PDB file of all heavy atoms in Angstrom:
ATOM      1  N   ARG A   1       0.978   3.823 -14.050  1.00  0.00           N
ATOM      2  CA  ARG A   1      -0.216   3.338 -14.359  1.00  0.00           C
ATOM      3  C   ARG A   1      -0.518   1.964 -13.807  1.00  0.00           C
ATOM      4  O   ARG A   1      -1.450   1.394 -13.346  1.00  0.00           O
ATOM      5  CB  ARG A   1      -0.471   3.111 -15.877  1.00  0.00           C
ATOM      6  CG  ARG A   1      -0.470   4.458 -16.647  1.00  0.00           C
ATOM      7  CD  ARG A   1      -1.617   5.358 -16.228  1.00  0.00           C
ATOM      8  NE  ARG A   1      -3.016   4.729 -16.409  1.00  0.00           N
ATOM      9  CZ  ARG A   1      -3.673   4.943 -17.514  1.00  0.00           C
ATOM     10  NH1 ARG A   1      -3.160   5.702 -18.431  1.00  0.00           N
ATOM     11  NH2 ARG A   1      -4.832   4.511 -17.697  1.00  0.00           N
ATOM     12  N   PHE A   2       0.713   1.122 -13.677  1.00  0.00           N
ATOM     13  CA  PHE A   2       0.671  -0.253 -13.192  1.00  0.00           C
ATOM     14  C   PHE A   2       0.476  -0.495 -11.777  1.00  0.00           C
ATOM     15  O   PHE A   2      -0.500  -1.189 -11.336  1.00  0.00           O
ATOM     16  CB  PHE A   2       2.011  -1.044 -13.627  1.00  0.00           C
ATOM     17  CG  PHE A   2       2.111  -2.297 -12.985  1.00  0.00           C
ATOM     18  CD1 PHE A   2       1.442  -3.491 -13.523  1.00  0.00           C
ATOM     19  CD2 PHE A   2       2.971  -2.605 -11.975  1.00  0.00           C
ATOM     20  CE1 PHE A   2       1.517  -4.707 -13.097  1.00  0.00           C
ATOM     21  CE2 PHE A   2       3.146  -3.875 -11.414  1.00  0.00           C
ATOM     22  CZ  PHE A   2       2.377  -4.972 -11.950  1.00  0.00           C
ATOM     23  N   PHE A   3       1.209   0.168 -10.973  1.00  0.00           N
ATOM     24  CA  PHE A   3       1.228  -0.063  -9.438  1.00  0.00           C
ATOM     25  C   PHE A   3      -0.293   0.114  -8.798  1.00  0.00           C
ATOM     26  O   PHE A   3      -0.817  -0.675  -8.052  1.00  0.00           O
ATOM     27  CB  PHE A   3       2.140   0.764  -8.720  1.00  0.00           C
ATOM     28  CG  PHE A   3       3.581   0.027  -8.787  1.00  0.00           C
ATOM     29  CD1 PHE A   3       4.526   0.609  -9.616  1.00  0.00           C
ATOM     30  CD2 PHE A   3       3.813  -1.073  -8.132  1.00  0.00           C
ATOM     31  CE1 PHE A   3       5.763  -0.051  -9.848  1.00  0.00           C
ATOM     32  CE2 PHE A   3       5.005  -1.632  -8.188  1.00  0.00           C
ATOM     33  CZ  PHE A   3       6.064  -1.142  -9.041  1.00  0.00           C
ATOM     34  N   PRO A   4      -0.908   1.282  -9.078  1.00  0.00           N
ATOM     35  CA  PRO A   4      -2.263   1.444  -8.485  1.00  0.00           C
ATOM     36  C   PRO A   4      -3.271   0.634  -8.919  1.00  0.00           C
ATOM     37  O   PRO A   4      -4.333   0.488  -8.280  1.00  0.00           O
ATOM     38  CB  PRO A   4      -2.587   2.988  -8.837  1.00  0.00           C
ATOM     39  CG  PRO A   4      -1.257   3.650  -9.206  1.00  0.00           C
ATOM     40  CD  PRO A   4      -0.513   2.491  -9.832  1.00  0.00           C
ATOM     41  N   ALA A   5      -3.140  -0.036 -10.062  1.00  0.00           N
ATOM     42  CA  ALA A   5      -4.200  -0.936 -10.652  1.00  0.00           C
ATOM     43  C   ALA A   5      -3.808  -2.443 -10.569  1.00  0.00           C
ATOM     44  O   ALA A   5      -4.489  -3.283 -10.921  1.00  0.00           O
ATOM     45  CB  ALA A   5      -4.208  -0.700 -12.182  1.00  0.00           C
ATOM     46  N   SER A   6      -2.644  -2.656  -9.761  1.00  0.00           N
ATOM     47  CA  SER A   6      -2.205  -4.057  -9.605  1.00  0.00           C
ATOM     48  C   SER A   6      -2.871  -4.635  -8.378  1.00  0.00           C
ATOM     49  O   SER A   6      -2.426  -4.362  -7.186  1.00  0.00           O
ATOM     50  CB  SER A   6      -0.601  -4.017  -9.454  1.00  0.00           C
ATOM     51  OG  SER A   6      -0.161  -5.403  -9.201  1.00  0.00           O
ATOM     52  N   ILE A   7      -3.789  -5.589  -8.636  1.00  0.00           N
ATOM     53  CA  ILE A   7      -4.388  -6.216  -7.404  1.00  0.00           C
ATOM     54  C   ILE A   7      -3.482  -7.183  -6.633  1.00  0.00           C
ATOM     55  O   ILE A   7      -3.638  -7.458  -5.465  1.00  0.00           O
ATOM     56  CB  ILE A   7      -5.626  -7.081  -7.941  1.00  0.00           C
ATOM     57  CG1 ILE A   7      -6.611  -7.444  -6.719  1.00  0.00           C
ATOM     58  CG2 ILE A   7      -5.213  -8.220  -8.743  1.00  0.00           C
ATOM     59  CD1 ILE A   7      -7.812  -8.093  -7.170  1.00  0.00           C
ATOM     60  N   GLU A   8      -2.305  -7.567  -7.244  1.00  0.00           N
ATOM     61  CA  GLU A   8      -1.421  -8.358  -6.603  1.00  0.00           C
ATOM     62  C   GLU A   8      -0.880  -7.636  -5.293  1.00  0.00           C
ATOM     63  O   GLU A   8      -0.479  -8.359  -4.446  1.00  0.00           O
ATOM     64  CB  GLU A   8      -0.163  -8.721  -7.422  1.00  0.00           C
ATOM     65  CG  GLU A   8      -0.491  -9.629  -8.614  1.00  0.00           C
ATOM     66  CD  GLU A   8      -0.999  -9.034  -9.920  1.00  0.00           C
ATOM     67  OE1 GLU A   8      -1.354  -7.834  -9.753  1.00  0.00           O
ATOM     68  OE2 GLU A   8      -1.218  -9.636 -10.932  1.00  0.00           O
ATOM     69  N   LEU A   9      -0.830  -6.317  -5.280  1.00  0.00           N
ATOM     70  CA  LEU A   9      -0.323  -5.545  -4.154  1.00  0.00           C
ATOM     71  C   LEU A   9      -1.257  -5.306  -3.095  1.00  0.00           C
ATOM     72  O   LEU A   9      -0.989  -5.077  -1.949  1.00  0.00           O
ATOM     73  CB  LEU A   9       0.261  -4.241  -4.669  1.00  0.00           C
ATOM     74  CG  LEU A   9       1.439  -4.282  -5.646  1.00  0.00           C
ATOM     75  CD1 LEU A   9       1.815  -2.783  -5.969  1.00  0.00           C
ATOM     76  CD2 LEU A   9       2.598  -4.963  -5.169  1.00  0.00           C
ATOM     77  N   ARG A  10      -2.549  -5.709  -3.392  1.00  0.00           N
ATOM     78  CA  ARG A  10      -3.700  -5.370  -2.451  1.00  0.00           C
ATOM     79  C   ARG A  10      -3.507  -6.248  -1.249  1.00  0.00           C
ATOM     80  O   ARG A  10      -3.464  -7.547  -1.157  1.00  0.00           O
ATOM     81  CB  ARG A  10      -5.087  -5.657  -3.142  1.00  0.00           C
ATOM     82  CG  ARG A  10      -6.215  -5.235  -2.280  1.00  0.00           C
ATOM     83  CD  ARG A  10      -7.495  -5.503  -2.982  1.00  0.00           C
ATOM     84  NE  ARG A  10      -8.613  -4.934  -2.262  1.00  0.00           N
ATOM     85  CZ  ARG A  10      -9.387  -5.799  -1.448  1.00  0.00           C
ATOM     86  NH1 ARG A  10      -9.080  -7.018  -1.293  1.00  0.00           N
ATOM     87  NH2 ARG A  10     -10.403  -5.240  -0.837  1.00  0.00           N
ATOM     88  N   GLY A  11      -3.420  -5.553  -0.054  1.00  0.00           N
ATOM     89  CA  GLY A  11      -3.304  -6.181   1.141  1.00  0.00           C
ATOM     90  C   GLY A  11      -1.871  -6.707   1.560  1.00  0.00           C
ATOM     91  O   GLY A  11      -1.623  -7.354   2.593  1.00  0.00           O
ATOM     92  N   LYS A  12      -0.901  -6.503   0.715  1.00  0.00           N
ATOM     93  CA  LYS A  12       0.373  -7.000   0.867  1.00  0.00           C
ATOM     94  C   LYS A  12       1.184  -5.948   1.564  1.00  0.00           C
ATOM     95  O   LYS A  12       1.321  -4.772   1.190  1.00  0.00           O
ATOM     96  CB  LYS A  12       1.160  -7.261  -0.461  1.00  0.00           C
ATOM     97  CG  LYS A  12       0.320  -8.263  -1.374  1.00  0.00           C
ATOM     98  CD  LYS A  12       0.352  -9.727  -0.662  1.00  0.00           C
ATOM     99  CE  LYS A  12      -0.333 -10.683  -1.542  1.00  0.00           C
ATOM    100  NZ  LYS A  12      -0.430 -12.009  -0.945  1.00  0.00           N
ATOM    101  N   SER A  13       1.828  -6.375   2.762  1.00  0.00           N
ATOM    102  CA  SER A  13       2.525  -5.451   3.522  1.00  0.00           C
ATOM    103  C   SER A  13       4.039  -5.560   3.263  1.00  0.00           C
ATOM    104  O   SER A  13       4.503  -6.521   2.842  1.00  0.00           O
ATOM    105  CB  SER A  13       2.205  -5.842   5.037  1.00  0.00           C
ATOM    106  OG  SER A  13       2.746  -7.134   5.365  1.00  0.00           O
ATOM    107  N   PHE A  14       4.747  -4.477   3.645  1.00  0.00           N
ATOM    108  CA  PHE A  14       6.169  -4.295   3.468  1.00  0.00           C
ATOM    109  C   PHE A  14       6.627  -3.297   4.375  1.00  0.00           C
ATOM    110  O   PHE A  14       6.139  -2.057   4.367  1.00  0.00           O
ATOM    111  CB  PHE A  14       6.575  -4.051   2.069  1.00  0.00           C
ATOM    112  CG  PHE A  14       8.070  -3.959   1.920  1.00  0.00           C
ATOM    113  CD1 PHE A  14       8.810  -5.000   2.049  1.00  0.00           C
ATOM    114  CD2 PHE A  14       8.646  -2.762   1.571  1.00  0.00           C
ATOM    115  CE1 PHE A  14      10.220  -4.943   1.838  1.00  0.00           C
ATOM    116  CE2 PHE A  14       9.963  -2.646   1.288  1.00  0.00           C
ATOM    117  CZ  PHE A  14      10.754  -3.875   1.464  1.00  0.00           C
ATOM    118  N   LEU A  15       7.626  -3.510   5.262  1.00  0.00           N
ATOM    119  CA  LEU A  15       8.136  -2.575   6.397  1.00  0.00           C
ATOM    120  C   LEU A  15       6.957  -1.989   7.070  1.00  0.00           C
ATOM    121  O   LEU A  15       6.136  -2.855   7.616  1.00  0.00           O
ATOM    122  CB  LEU A  15       8.997  -1.592   5.611  1.00  0.00           C
ATOM    123  CG  LEU A  15      10.295  -2.049   4.829  1.00  0.00           C
ATOM    124  CD1 LEU A  15      11.025  -0.946   4.165  1.00  0.00           C
ATOM    125  CD2 LEU A  15      11.201  -2.950   5.795  1.00  0.00           C
ATOM    126  N   TRP A  16       6.824  -0.729   7.018  1.00  0.00           N
ATOM    127  CA  TRP A  16       5.692  -0.152   7.784  1.00  0.00           C
ATOM    128  C   TRP A  16       4.388  -0.051   7.051  1.00  0.00           C
ATOM    129  O   TRP A  16       3.384   0.307   7.508  1.00  0.00           O
ATOM    130  CB  TRP A  16       6.160   1.294   8.294  1.00  0.00           C
ATOM    131  CG  TRP A  16       6.552   2.133   7.013  1.00  0.00           C
ATOM    132  CD1 TRP A  16       5.704   2.942   6.328  1.00  0.00           C
ATOM    133  CD2 TRP A  16       7.800   2.350   6.657  1.00  0.00           C
ATOM    134  NE1 TRP A  16       6.450   3.598   5.448  1.00  0.00           N
ATOM    135  CE2 TRP A  16       7.665   3.223   5.545  1.00  0.00           C
ATOM    136  CE3 TRP A  16       9.027   1.837   7.022  1.00  0.00           C
ATOM    137  CZ2 TRP A  16       8.754   3.649   4.808  1.00  0.00           C
ATOM    138  CZ3 TRP A  16      10.223   2.316   6.272  1.00  0.00           C
ATOM    139  CH2 TRP A  16      10.029   3.195   5.263  1.00  0.00           C
ATOM    140  N   ALA A  17       4.394  -0.280   5.717  1.00  0.00           N
ATOM    141  CA  ALA A  17       3.118  -0.296   4.853  1.00  0.00           C
ATOM    142  C   ALA A  17       2.436  -1.517   5.042  1.00  0.00           C
ATOM    143  O   ALA A  17       2.842  -2.542   4.913  1.00  0.00           O
ATOM    144  CB  ALA A  17       3.586   0.031   3.483  1.00  0.00           C
ATOM    145  N   ASP A  18       1.197  -1.361   5.363  1.00  0.00           N
ATOM    146  CA  ASP A  18       0.257  -2.576   5.666  1.00  0.00           C
ATOM    147  C   ASP A  18      -0.420  -2.994   4.345  1.00  0.00           C
ATOM    148  O   ASP A  18      -1.035  -4.007   4.171  1.00  0.00           O
ATOM    149  CB  ASP A  18      -0.669  -2.327   6.651  1.00  0.00           C
ATOM    150  CG  ASP A  18      -1.641  -1.107   6.474  1.00  0.00           C
ATOM    151  OD1 ASP A  18      -1.378  -0.474   5.372  1.00  0.00           O
ATOM    152  OD2 ASP A  18      -2.606  -0.855   7.303  1.00  0.00           O
ATOM    153  N   ASP A  19      -0.475  -1.957   3.208  1.00  0.00           N
ATOM    154  CA  ASP A  19      -1.052  -2.313   2.021  1.00  0.00           C
ATOM    155  C   ASP A  19      -0.265  -1.517   0.845  1.00  0.00           C
ATOM    156  O   ASP A  19      -0.400  -0.336   0.843  1.00  0.00           O
ATOM    157  CB  ASP A  19      -2.522  -1.877   2.120  1.00  0.00           C
ATOM    158  CG  ASP A  19      -3.345  -2.341   0.718  1.00  0.00           C
ATOM    159  OD1 ASP A  19      -2.680  -2.745  -0.126  1.00  0.00           O
ATOM    160  OD2 ASP A  19      -4.497  -2.168   0.891  1.00  0.00           O
ATOM    161  N   LEU A  20       0.465  -2.279   0.035  1.00  0.00           N
ATOM    162  CA  LEU A  20       1.196  -1.552  -0.937  1.00  0.00           C
ATOM    163  C   LEU A  20       0.370  -1.024  -1.995  1.00  0.00           C
ATOM    164  O   LEU A  20       0.836  -0.179  -2.879  1.00  0.00           O
ATOM    165  CB  LEU A  20       2.190  -2.519  -1.584  1.00  0.00           C
ATOM    166  CG  LEU A  20       3.377  -2.964  -0.633  1.00  0.00           C
ATOM    167  CD1 LEU A  20       4.209  -4.139  -1.270  1.00  0.00           C
ATOM    168  CD2 LEU A  20       4.241  -1.706  -0.375  1.00  0.00           C
ATOM    169  N   SER A  21      -1.007  -1.353  -2.174  1.00  0.00           N
ATOM    170  CA  SER A  21      -1.802  -0.826  -3.311  1.00  0.00           C
ATOM    171  C   SER A  21      -2.442   0.483  -2.788  1.00  0.00           C
ATOM    172  O   SER A  21      -3.067   1.271  -3.626  1.00  0.00           O
ATOM    173  CB  SER A  21      -2.963  -1.857  -3.612  1.00  0.00           C
ATOM    174  OG  SER A  21      -3.784  -1.803  -2.427  1.00  0.00           O
ATOM    175  N   SER A  22      -2.267   0.815  -1.512  1.00  0.00           N
ATOM    176  CA  SER A  22      -2.759   2.106  -0.956  1.00  0.00           C
ATOM    177  C   SER A  22      -1.737   2.780  -0.227  1.00  0.00           C
ATOM    178  O   SER A  22      -0.555   2.422  -0.167  1.00  0.00           O
ATOM    179  CB  SER A  22      -3.964   1.814  -0.041  1.00  0.00           C
ATOM    180  OG  SER A  22      -4.592   3.064   0.422  1.00  0.00           O
ATOM    181  N   TYR A  23      -2.056   4.049   0.331  1.00  0.00           N
ATOM    182  CA  TYR A  23      -1.124   4.858   0.892  1.00  0.00           C
ATOM    183  C   TYR A  23      -0.668   4.320   2.305  1.00  0.00           C
ATOM    184  O   TYR A  23      -1.420   3.536   2.983  1.00  0.00           O
ATOM    185  CB  TYR A  23      -1.569   6.201   1.135  1.00  0.00           C
ATOM    186  CG  TYR A  23      -2.773   6.467   2.049  1.00  0.00           C
ATOM    187  CD1 TYR A  23      -2.696   6.346   3.471  1.00  0.00           C
ATOM    188  CD2 TYR A  23      -4.023   6.522   1.408  1.00  0.00           C
ATOM    189  CE1 TYR A  23      -3.862   6.545   4.188  1.00  0.00           C
ATOM    190  CE2 TYR A  23      -5.285   6.613   2.261  1.00  0.00           C
ATOM    191  CZ  TYR A  23      -5.111   6.594   3.521  1.00  0.00           C
ATOM    192  OH  TYR A  23      -6.221   6.770   4.448  1.00  0.00           O
ATOM    193  N   ASP A  24       0.604   4.455   2.769  1.00  0.00           N
ATOM    194  CA  ASP A  24       1.070   4.141   4.065  1.00  0.00           C
ATOM    195  C   ASP A  24       0.969   5.207   4.897  1.00  0.00           C
ATOM    196  O   ASP A  24       1.340   6.447   4.491  1.00  0.00           O
ATOM    197  CB  ASP A  24       2.547   3.498   3.995  1.00  0.00           C
ATOM    198  CG  ASP A  24       3.442   4.717   3.400  1.00  0.00           C
ATOM    199  OD1 ASP A  24       3.341   5.120   2.277  1.00  0.00           O
ATOM    200  OD2 ASP A  24       4.312   5.108   4.177  1.00  0.00           O
ATOM    201  N   SER A  25       0.605   5.136   6.088  1.00  0.00           N
ATOM    202  CA  SER A  25       0.417   6.232   7.093  1.00  0.00           C
ATOM    203  C   SER A  25       1.259   5.966   8.459  1.00  0.00           C
ATOM    204  O   SER A  25       0.906   5.111   9.055  1.00  0.00           O
ATOM    205  CB  SER A  25      -1.064   6.574   7.334  1.00  0.00           C
ATOM    206  OG  SER A  25      -1.232   7.541   8.288  1.00  0.00           O
ATOM    207  N   ILE A  26       2.067   6.892   8.624  1.00  0.00           N
ATOM    208  CA  ILE A  26       2.910   6.850   9.908  1.00  0.00           C
ATOM    209  C   ILE A  26       2.323   7.832  10.875  1.00  0.00           C
ATOM    210  O   ILE A  26       2.719   7.894  12.122  1.00  0.00           O
ATOM    211  CB  ILE A  26       4.340   7.048   9.708  1.00  0.00           C
ATOM    212  CG1 ILE A  26       4.605   8.500   9.164  1.00  0.00           C
ATOM    213  CG2 ILE A  26       4.910   5.906   8.816  1.00  0.00           C
ATOM    214  CD1 ILE A  26       6.124   8.765   9.097  1.00  0.00           C
ATOM    215  N   LEU A  27       1.564   8.735  10.433  1.00  0.00           N
ATOM    216  CA  LEU A  27       0.932   9.837  11.253  1.00  0.00           C
ATOM    217  C   LEU A  27      -0.390  10.288  10.770  1.00  0.00           C
ATOM    218  O   LEU A  27      -0.458  10.731   9.671  1.00  0.00           O
ATOM    219  CB  LEU A  27       1.960  10.992  11.445  1.00  0.00           C
ATOM    220  CG  LEU A  27       1.513  12.124  12.343  1.00  0.00           C
ATOM    221  CD1 LEU A  27       1.423  11.779  13.752  1.00  0.00           C
ATOM    222  CD2 LEU A  27       2.483  13.342  12.222  1.00  0.00           C
ATOM    223  N   HIS A  28      -1.329  10.234  11.696  1.00  0.00           N
ATOM    224  CA  HIS A  28      -2.624  10.727  11.292  1.00  0.00           C
ATOM    225  C   HIS A  28      -2.843  12.243  11.864  1.00  0.00           C
ATOM    226  O   HIS A  28      -2.670  12.481  13.009  1.00  0.00           O
ATOM    227  CB  HIS A  28      -3.815   9.878  11.821  1.00  0.00           C
ATOM    228  CG  HIS A  28      -5.093  10.347  11.429  1.00  0.00           C
ATOM    229  ND1 HIS A  28      -5.663  10.071  10.056  1.00  0.00           N
ATOM    230  CD2 HIS A  28      -6.078  11.015  11.993  1.00  0.00           C
ATOM    231  CE1 HIS A  28      -6.819  10.502  10.029  1.00  0.00           C
ATOM    232  NE2 HIS A  28      -7.232  11.133  11.339  1.00  0.00           N
ATOM    233  N   LEU A  29      -3.113  13.179  10.950  1.00  0.00           N
ATOM    234  CA  LEU A  29      -3.314  14.482  11.327  1.00  0.00           C
ATOM    235  C   LEU A  29      -4.699  14.788  11.774  1.00  0.00           C
ATOM    236  O   LEU A  29      -5.660  14.223  11.229  1.00  0.00           O
ATOM    237  CB  LEU A  29      -2.831  15.378  10.095  1.00  0.00           C
ATOM    238  CG  LEU A  29      -1.460  15.194   9.500  1.00  0.00           C
ATOM    239  CD1 LEU A  29      -1.474  16.016   8.186  1.00  0.00           C
ATOM    240  CD2 LEU A  29      -0.383  15.512  10.465  1.00  0.00           C
TER     241      LEU A  29
END
């Protein structure tokens, strides 16, 4: 419940993820 609702993660990048509040995508189908 916490992570998807945490605005602190919005726009925060880590490794290959450019936004920890949303999905990370390494391949677009």
